[in-house]
Amino acid sequence: MSRFTKMNNFENQSEYYKYRTLICLAHVDGRLMKEEREFLESHITEHASENIQGRLLEEFTDDIFNPQTPEDLYGYITEPEDRIDLLRMAFKLFIADGHVDKREQKSFDFIKKEILENPETMEILRLAPYNWDAANVEESLKKFLLST
């Protein structure tokens, strides 16, 4: 079992694993560009709950030496809103350095597939404040990601 699979001391495990998975995504291509590091640090300090910020920033560097896989951690994100937020953040993270590596694309596609196959996340997206077109899910998702 991974050292990250039990985080009962945090109030919101789903939020913790959302950011934990985002950290893994930053390392998925085997390198960490300045723009990606800046995005992660600013996003964690501006948006993550205070009680998890310190731990996340510590794990940020540790991941280089002890990598986790986003696919393994994703299952611990239990709240549909956190899963959608992860997709948004992953999109922004992957384009931060101006280049999307094929490993980044593979991880993004995994998260996207999980979201599109989940009725709870799809209901949230369908009710989002813009025109969701059920007949053209890919285009609607693209518009959603670009609007956030």
N, C-alpha and C. Protein backbone atom coordinates (compact mmCIF):
# COMPACT_ATOMS: atom_id res chain seq x y z
N MET A 1 0.83 -1.17 0.00
CA MET A 1 0.00 0.00 0.00
C MET A 1 0.89 1.25 0.00
N SER A 2 0.53 2.21 -0.79
CA SER A 2 1.27 3.47 -0.90
C SER A 2 1.21 4.26 0.39
N ARG A 3 2.23 5.08 0.62
CA ARG A 3 2.22 5.93 1.81
C ARG A 3 1.16 7.01 1.72
N PHE A 4 0.50 7.16 0.57
CA PHE A 4 -0.49 8.21 0.38
C PHE A 4 -1.92 7.69 0.38
N THR A 5 -2.13 6.43 0.64
CA THR A 5 -3.48 5.90 0.49
C THR A 5 -4.36 6.11 1.71
N LYS A 6 -3.83 6.48 2.85
CA LYS A 6 -4.65 6.73 4.04
C LYS A 6 -4.35 8.11 4.57
N MET A 7 -5.27 9.02 4.40
CA MET A 7 -5.09 10.38 4.87
C MET A 7 -6.26 10.77 5.76
N ASN A 8 -6.57 9.94 6.75
CA ASN A 8 -7.72 10.17 7.60
C ASN A 8 -7.61 11.42 8.47
N ASN A 9 -6.42 11.99 8.61
CA ASN A 9 -6.27 13.16 9.44
C ASN A 9 -6.69 14.45 8.73
N PHE A 10 -7.11 14.37 7.48
CA PHE A 10 -7.60 15.53 6.76
C PHE A 10 -9.11 15.47 6.68
N GLU A 11 -9.72 16.63 6.82
CA GLU A 11 -11.17 16.72 6.82
C GLU A 11 -11.76 16.27 5.48
N ASN A 12 -11.14 16.66 4.39
CA ASN A 12 -11.69 16.35 3.08
C ASN A 12 -10.68 15.56 2.26
N GLN A 13 -10.79 14.25 2.34
CA GLN A 13 -9.87 13.40 1.60
C GLN A 13 -9.99 13.59 0.10
N SER A 14 -11.19 13.82 -0.38
CA SER A 14 -11.38 13.98 -1.81
C SER A 14 -10.60 15.20 -2.32
N GLU A 15 -10.66 16.29 -1.60
CA GLU A 15 -9.90 17.48 -1.99
C GLU A 15 -8.40 17.20 -1.94
N TYR A 16 -7.95 16.53 -0.88
CA TYR A 16 -6.53 16.19 -0.75
C TYR A 16 -6.06 15.39 -1.97
N TYR A 17 -6.80 14.36 -2.33
CA TYR A 17 -6.39 13.51 -3.44
C TYR A 17 -6.54 14.20 -4.80
N LYS A 18 -7.43 15.16 -4.89
CA LYS A 18 -7.51 15.97 -6.11
C LYS A 18 -6.17 16.67 -6.34
N TYR A 19 -5.67 17.32 -5.32
CA TYR A 19 -4.39 18.02 -5.46
C TYR A 19 -3.22 17.05 -5.51
N ARG A 20 -3.32 15.97 -4.79
CA ARG A 20 -2.26 14.96 -4.81
C ARG A 20 -2.11 14.38 -6.21
N THR A 21 -3.24 14.12 -6.85
CA THR A 21 -3.23 13.61 -8.22
C THR A 21 -2.68 14.66 -9.17
N LEU A 22 -3.02 15.91 -8.96
CA LEU A 22 -2.49 16.98 -9.80
C LEU A 22 -0.96 17.03 -9.71
N ILE A 23 -0.43 16.84 -8.51
CA ILE A 23 1.03 16.81 -8.35
C ILE A 23 1.62 15.66 -9.16
N CYS A 24 0.99 14.51 -9.11
CA CYS A 24 1.46 13.37 -9.92
C CYS A 24 1.42 13.69 -11.40
N LEU A 25 0.39 14.38 -11.81
CA LEU A 25 0.26 14.74 -13.22
C LEU A 25 1.39 15.66 -13.67
N ALA A 26 1.87 16.50 -12.77
CA ALA A 26 2.97 17.41 -13.12
C ALA A 26 4.24 16.64 -13.42
N HIS A 27 4.38 15.47 -12.83
CA HIS A 27 5.60 14.67 -13.00
C HIS A 27 5.44 13.56 -14.03
N VAL A 28 4.27 13.42 -14.62
CA VAL A 28 3.97 12.26 -15.47
C VAL A 28 4.86 12.19 -16.70
N ASP A 29 5.34 13.31 -17.18
CA ASP A 29 6.20 13.29 -18.37
C ASP A 29 7.68 13.18 -18.03
N GLY A 30 7.99 12.99 -16.74
CA GLY A 30 9.37 12.78 -16.32
C GLY A 30 10.17 14.06 -16.15
N ARG A 31 9.51 15.20 -16.25
CA ARG A 31 10.19 16.47 -16.06
C ARG A 31 9.20 17.45 -15.44
N LEU A 32 9.74 18.47 -14.82
CA LEU A 32 8.90 19.49 -14.22
C LEU A 32 9.39 20.85 -14.70
N MET A 33 8.63 21.44 -15.57
CA MET A 33 9.01 22.73 -16.14
C MET A 33 8.68 23.85 -15.15
N LYS A 34 9.38 24.95 -15.28
CA LYS A 34 9.20 26.11 -14.40
C LYS A 34 7.73 26.54 -14.37
N GLU A 35 7.09 26.61 -15.53
CA GLU A 35 5.69 27.04 -15.62
C GLU A 35 4.76 26.08 -14.89
N GLU A 36 5.05 24.78 -14.96
CA GLU A 36 4.23 23.79 -14.27
C GLU A 36 4.39 23.93 -12.75
N ARG A 37 5.63 24.11 -12.31
CA ARG A 37 5.89 24.27 -10.87
C ARG A 37 5.19 25.53 -10.35
N GLU A 38 5.29 26.62 -11.08
CA GLU A 38 4.64 27.86 -10.67
C GLU A 38 3.12 27.69 -10.61
N PHE A 39 2.56 27.01 -11.61
CA PHE A 39 1.12 26.77 -11.63
C PHE A 39 0.71 25.98 -10.39
N LEU A 40 1.41 24.90 -10.11
CA LEU A 40 1.08 24.06 -8.96
C LEU A 40 1.19 24.83 -7.65
N GLU A 41 2.31 25.49 -7.45
CA GLU A 41 2.51 26.21 -6.19
C GLU A 41 1.45 27.29 -5.99
N SER A 42 1.17 28.06 -7.02
CA SER A 42 0.18 29.12 -6.87
C SER A 42 -1.22 28.54 -6.69
N HIS A 43 -1.55 27.50 -7.43
CA HIS A 43 -2.89 26.92 -7.33
C HIS A 43 -3.11 26.29 -5.95
N ILE A 44 -2.12 25.60 -5.45
CA ILE A 44 -2.25 24.97 -4.13
C ILE A 44 -2.39 26.04 -3.05
N THR A 45 -1.53 27.05 -3.08
CA THR A 45 -1.59 28.07 -2.03
C THR A 45 -2.83 28.95 -2.13
N GLU A 46 -3.37 29.14 -3.32
CA GLU A 46 -4.55 29.98 -3.49
C GLU A 46 -5.87 29.24 -3.31
N HIS A 47 -5.90 27.94 -3.61
CA HIS A 47 -7.18 27.25 -3.65
C HIS A 47 -7.33 26.07 -2.69
N ALA A 48 -6.26 25.41 -2.33
CA ALA A 48 -6.38 24.25 -1.44
C ALA A 48 -6.67 24.71 -0.01
N SER A 49 -7.38 23.89 0.74
CA SER A 49 -7.64 24.19 2.15
C SER A 49 -6.33 24.33 2.89
N GLU A 50 -6.30 25.24 3.85
CA GLU A 50 -5.06 25.51 4.59
C GLU A 50 -4.50 24.27 5.28
N ASN A 51 -5.39 23.41 5.77
CA ASN A 51 -4.91 22.24 6.51
C ASN A 51 -4.20 21.21 5.65
N ILE A 52 -4.24 21.34 4.33
CA ILE A 52 -3.53 20.38 3.48
C ILE A 52 -2.41 21.02 2.67
N GLN A 53 -2.33 22.34 2.64
CA GLN A 53 -1.34 23.02 1.81
C GLN A 53 0.09 22.60 2.11
N GLY A 54 0.48 22.62 3.38
CA GLY A 54 1.86 22.28 3.74
C GLY A 54 2.24 20.89 3.31
N ARG A 55 1.36 19.95 3.59
CA ARG A 55 1.63 18.55 3.22
C ARG A 55 1.77 18.39 1.72
N LEU A 56 0.90 19.04 0.97
CA LEU A 56 0.96 18.95 -0.48
C LEU A 56 2.26 19.52 -1.03
N LEU A 57 2.68 20.65 -0.52
CA LEU A 57 3.91 21.27 -1.01
C LEU A 57 5.13 20.42 -0.67
N GLU A 58 5.10 19.71 0.47
CA GLU A 58 6.19 18.77 0.80
C GLU A 58 6.22 17.62 -0.19
N GLU A 59 5.07 17.09 -0.52
CA GLU A 59 4.98 15.94 -1.42
C GLU A 59 5.32 16.30 -2.85
N PHE A 60 5.20 17.56 -3.16
CA PHE A 60 5.52 18.07 -4.49
C PHE A 60 6.93 17.65 -4.92
N THR A 61 7.90 17.87 -4.05
CA THR A 61 9.29 17.51 -4.35
C THR A 61 9.51 16.01 -4.18
N ASP A 62 8.90 15.42 -3.17
CA ASP A 62 9.08 14.00 -2.90
C ASP A 62 8.65 13.15 -4.09
N ASP A 63 7.69 13.62 -4.84
CA ASP A 63 7.18 12.85 -5.98
C ASP A 63 8.24 12.60 -7.04
N ILE A 64 9.23 13.46 -7.12
CA ILE A 64 10.29 13.26 -8.10
C ILE A 64 11.03 11.96 -7.81
N PHE A 65 11.24 11.67 -6.52
CA PHE A 65 12.01 10.50 -6.11
C PHE A 65 11.13 9.27 -5.85
N ASN A 66 9.88 9.49 -5.52
CA ASN A 66 8.94 8.41 -5.22
C ASN A 66 7.66 8.63 -6.01
N PRO A 67 7.71 8.46 -7.32
CA PRO A 67 6.54 8.78 -8.13
C PRO A 67 5.34 7.90 -7.84
N GLN A 68 4.18 8.51 -7.90
CA GLN A 68 2.89 7.83 -7.80
C GLN A 68 2.24 7.93 -9.17
N THR A 69 1.27 7.10 -9.43
CA THR A 69 0.58 7.23 -10.71
C THR A 69 -0.76 7.93 -10.50
N PRO A 70 -1.11 8.84 -11.40
CA PRO A 70 -2.41 9.52 -11.28
C PRO A 70 -3.58 8.53 -11.28
N GLU A 71 -3.45 7.47 -12.06
CA GLU A 71 -4.53 6.48 -12.13
C GLU A 71 -4.77 5.81 -10.78
N ASP A 72 -3.71 5.57 -10.03
CA ASP A 72 -3.86 4.95 -8.71
C ASP A 72 -4.53 5.90 -7.72
N LEU A 73 -4.19 7.16 -7.77
CA LEU A 73 -4.71 8.13 -6.81
C LEU A 73 -6.10 8.63 -7.17
N TYR A 74 -6.45 8.62 -8.43
CA TYR A 74 -7.73 9.17 -8.88
C TYR A 74 -8.92 8.52 -8.16
N GLY A 75 -8.86 7.26 -7.91
CA GLY A 75 -9.97 6.56 -7.26
C GLY A 75 -10.29 7.07 -5.87
N TYR A 76 -9.37 7.76 -5.25
CA TYR A 76 -9.60 8.31 -3.91
C TYR A 76 -10.31 9.67 -3.97
N ILE A 77 -10.49 10.20 -5.15
CA ILE A 77 -11.24 11.44 -5.31
C ILE A 77 -12.71 11.04 -5.39
N THR A 78 -13.44 11.27 -4.32
CA THR A 78 -14.81 10.75 -4.23
C THR A 78 -15.88 11.75 -4.62
N GLU A 79 -15.57 13.03 -4.56
CA GLU A 79 -16.57 14.05 -4.88
C GLU A 79 -16.55 14.37 -6.38
N PRO A 80 -17.71 14.31 -7.03
CA PRO A 80 -17.76 14.60 -8.46
C PRO A 80 -17.20 15.98 -8.82
N GLU A 81 -17.46 16.97 -7.98
CA GLU A 81 -16.94 18.32 -8.23
C GLU A 81 -15.42 18.34 -8.22
N ASP A 82 -14.81 17.57 -7.32
CA ASP A 82 -13.35 17.49 -7.25
C ASP A 82 -12.78 16.82 -8.51
N ARG A 83 -13.49 15.83 -9.03
CA ARG A 83 -13.03 15.17 -10.25
C ARG A 83 -13.07 16.12 -11.45
N ILE A 84 -14.13 16.90 -11.54
CA ILE A 84 -14.24 17.88 -12.62
C ILE A 84 -13.17 18.96 -12.46
N ASP A 85 -12.97 19.40 -11.22
CA ASP A 85 -11.95 20.41 -10.96
C ASP A 85 -10.56 19.89 -11.32
N LEU A 86 -10.30 18.61 -11.05
CA LEU A 86 -9.02 18.02 -11.44
C LEU A 86 -8.83 18.08 -12.95
N LEU A 87 -9.85 17.78 -13.70
CA LEU A 87 -9.75 17.84 -15.16
C LEU A 87 -9.41 19.26 -15.61
N ARG A 88 -10.09 20.25 -15.02
CA ARG A 88 -9.81 21.66 -15.33
C ARG A 88 -8.35 22.01 -15.03
N MET A 89 -7.90 21.64 -13.84
CA MET A 89 -6.54 21.96 -13.43
C MET A 89 -5.51 21.22 -14.27
N ALA A 90 -5.79 19.96 -14.61
CA ALA A 90 -4.87 19.18 -15.44
C ALA A 90 -4.72 19.84 -16.81
N PHE A 91 -5.82 20.28 -17.36
CA PHE A 91 -5.79 20.97 -18.66
C PHE A 91 -4.87 22.18 -18.59
N LYS A 92 -5.05 23.01 -17.57
CA LYS A 92 -4.24 24.22 -17.41
C LYS A 92 -2.78 23.88 -17.13
N LEU A 93 -2.55 22.85 -16.33
CA LEU A 93 -1.19 22.42 -16.02
C LEU A 93 -0.47 21.96 -17.28
N PHE A 94 -1.12 21.13 -18.07
CA PHE A 94 -0.48 20.55 -19.25
C PHE A 94 -0.18 21.58 -20.33
N ILE A 95 -0.96 22.64 -20.40
CA ILE A 95 -0.67 23.66 -21.41
C ILE A 95 0.22 24.78 -20.86
N ALA A 96 0.54 24.73 -19.57
CA ALA A 96 1.32 25.80 -18.94
C ALA A 96 2.69 26.00 -19.59
N ASP A 97 3.32 24.91 -19.99
CA ASP A 97 4.66 25.03 -20.59
C ASP A 97 4.62 25.08 -22.12
N GLY A 98 3.43 25.13 -22.68
CA GLY A 98 3.30 25.25 -24.13
C GLY A 98 3.46 23.95 -24.90
N HIS A 99 3.57 22.83 -24.19
CA HIS A 99 3.78 21.55 -24.85
C HIS A 99 3.05 20.45 -24.09
N VAL A 100 2.25 19.67 -24.78
CA VAL A 100 1.57 18.55 -24.15
C VAL A 100 2.25 17.26 -24.62
N ASP A 101 2.93 16.63 -23.71
CA ASP A 101 3.64 15.37 -23.95
C ASP A 101 2.61 14.25 -24.12
N LYS A 102 2.98 13.19 -24.84
CA LYS A 102 2.02 12.09 -25.05
C LYS A 102 1.66 11.40 -23.75
N ARG A 103 2.55 11.40 -22.75
CA ARG A 103 2.20 10.82 -21.44
C ARG A 103 1.20 11.72 -20.71
N GLU A 104 1.35 13.03 -20.88
CA GLU A 104 0.37 13.96 -20.30
C GLU A 104 -0.99 13.75 -20.97
N GLN A 105 -0.97 13.61 -22.28
CA GLN A 105 -2.22 13.40 -23.01
C GLN A 105 -2.90 12.11 -22.56
N LYS A 106 -2.12 11.06 -22.36
CA LYS A 106 -2.67 9.79 -21.91
C LYS A 106 -3.35 9.94 -20.54
N SER A 107 -2.70 10.64 -19.62
CA SER A 107 -3.29 10.86 -18.30
C SER A 107 -4.53 11.73 -18.38
N PHE A 108 -4.47 12.76 -19.22
CA PHE A 108 -5.64 13.62 -19.41
C PHE A 108 -6.81 12.82 -19.97
N ASP A 109 -6.53 11.99 -20.95
CA ASP A 109 -7.57 11.15 -21.56
C ASP A 109 -8.17 10.19 -20.54
N PHE A 110 -7.36 9.67 -19.63
CA PHE A 110 -7.87 8.79 -18.58
C PHE A 110 -8.88 9.53 -17.70
N ILE A 111 -8.51 10.72 -17.25
CA ILE A 111 -9.40 11.50 -16.38
C ILE A 111 -10.67 11.88 -17.14
N LYS A 112 -10.50 12.32 -18.37
CA LYS A 112 -11.65 12.71 -19.19
C LYS A 112 -12.61 11.53 -19.37
N LYS A 113 -12.07 10.37 -19.65
CA LYS A 113 -12.90 9.17 -19.84
C LYS A 113 -13.67 8.85 -18.55
N GLU A 114 -12.98 8.91 -17.42
CA GLU A 114 -13.63 8.64 -16.13
C GLU A 114 -14.78 9.61 -15.89
N ILE A 115 -14.57 10.85 -16.21
CA ILE A 115 -15.61 11.88 -16.01
C ILE A 115 -16.78 11.67 -16.96
N LEU A 116 -16.47 11.41 -18.21
CA LEU A 116 -17.54 11.25 -19.20
C LEU A 116 -18.35 9.97 -18.99
N GLU A 117 -17.78 9.00 -18.30
CA GLU A 117 -18.51 7.74 -18.04
C GLU A 117 -19.22 7.74 -16.69
N ASN A 118 -19.09 8.82 -15.93
CA ASN A 118 -19.68 8.88 -14.60
C ASN A 118 -20.96 9.73 -14.65
N PRO A 119 -22.10 9.14 -14.31
CA PRO A 119 -23.37 9.89 -14.37
C PRO A 119 -23.38 11.14 -13.46
N GLU A 120 -22.75 11.06 -12.31
CA GLU A 120 -22.75 12.21 -11.39
C GLU A 120 -21.97 13.39 -11.97
N THR A 121 -20.80 13.13 -12.52
CA THR A 121 -20.02 14.22 -13.08
C THR A 121 -20.69 14.77 -14.34
N MET A 122 -21.30 13.90 -15.12
CA MET A 122 -21.97 14.36 -16.33
C MET A 122 -23.19 15.22 -16.00
N GLU A 123 -23.87 14.91 -14.92
CA GLU A 123 -25.01 15.73 -14.51
C GLU A 123 -24.54 17.13 -14.12
N ILE A 124 -23.43 17.23 -13.43
CA ILE A 124 -22.88 18.53 -13.05
C ILE A 124 -22.48 19.31 -14.30
N LEU A 125 -21.82 18.65 -15.23
CA LEU A 125 -21.42 19.33 -16.47
C LEU A 125 -22.64 19.77 -17.28
N ARG A 126 -23.64 18.92 -17.31
CA ARG A 126 -24.85 19.24 -18.08
C ARG A 126 -25.54 20.48 -17.52
N LEU A 127 -25.47 20.67 -16.20
CA LEU A 127 -26.11 21.80 -15.55
C LEU A 127 -25.21 23.03 -15.42
N ALA A 128 -23.99 22.92 -15.92
CA ALA A 128 -23.06 24.05 -15.84
C ALA A 128 -23.64 25.26 -16.58
N PRO A 129 -23.24 26.47 -16.16
CA PRO A 129 -23.84 27.69 -16.73
C PRO A 129 -23.34 28.05 -18.13
N TYR A 130 -23.47 27.17 -19.04
CA TYR A 130 -23.19 27.42 -20.45
C TYR A 130 -23.94 26.37 -21.24
N ASN A 131 -23.91 26.44 -22.51
CA ASN A 131 -24.72 25.54 -23.35
C ASN A 131 -24.04 24.20 -23.56
N TRP A 132 -24.43 23.22 -22.77
CA TRP A 132 -23.90 21.86 -22.91
C TRP A 132 -24.71 21.16 -23.99
N ASP A 133 -24.02 20.63 -24.97
CA ASP A 133 -24.66 19.95 -26.08
C ASP A 133 -24.42 18.45 -25.93
N ALA A 134 -25.44 17.74 -25.50
CA ALA A 134 -25.31 16.30 -25.26
C ALA A 134 -24.98 15.54 -26.55
N ALA A 135 -25.33 16.10 -27.68
CA ALA A 135 -25.04 15.44 -28.96
C ALA A 135 -23.58 15.62 -29.36
N ASN A 136 -22.91 16.60 -28.76
CA ASN A 136 -21.52 16.87 -29.09
C ASN A 136 -20.71 17.05 -27.80
N VAL A 137 -20.53 15.97 -27.08
CA VAL A 137 -19.89 15.99 -25.77
C VAL A 137 -18.46 16.50 -25.83
N GLU A 138 -17.68 16.05 -26.79
CA GLU A 138 -16.28 16.48 -26.89
C GLU A 138 -16.17 17.98 -27.08
N GLU A 139 -16.99 18.53 -27.96
CA GLU A 139 -16.96 19.98 -28.21
C GLU A 139 -17.45 20.74 -26.97
N SER A 140 -18.46 20.24 -26.31
CA SER A 140 -18.95 20.88 -25.09
C SER A 140 -17.89 20.86 -24.00
N LEU A 141 -17.20 19.75 -23.87
CA LEU A 141 -16.14 19.64 -22.87
C LEU A 141 -15.00 20.60 -23.18
N LYS A 142 -14.65 20.71 -24.43
CA LYS A 142 -13.61 21.64 -24.85
C LYS A 142 -13.99 23.07 -24.50
N LYS A 143 -15.23 23.46 -24.80
CA LYS A 143 -15.71 24.81 -24.47
C LYS A 143 -15.67 25.03 -22.97
N PHE A 144 -16.06 24.02 -22.23
CA PHE A 144 -16.05 24.10 -20.77
C PHE A 144 -14.64 24.34 -20.23
N LEU A 145 -13.69 23.59 -20.72
CA LEU A 145 -12.31 23.73 -20.25
C LEU A 145 -11.72 25.09 -20.64
N LEU A 146 -12.05 25.57 -21.79
CA LEU A 146 -11.53 26.86 -22.24
C LEU A 146 -12.20 28.03 -21.55
N SER A 147 -13.38 27.80 -20.99
CA SER A 147 -14.12 28.90 -20.35
C SER A 147 -13.78 29.06 -18.87
N THR A 148 -13.04 28.13 -18.32
CA THR A 148 -12.77 28.18 -16.89
C THR A 148 -11.36 28.67 -16.59
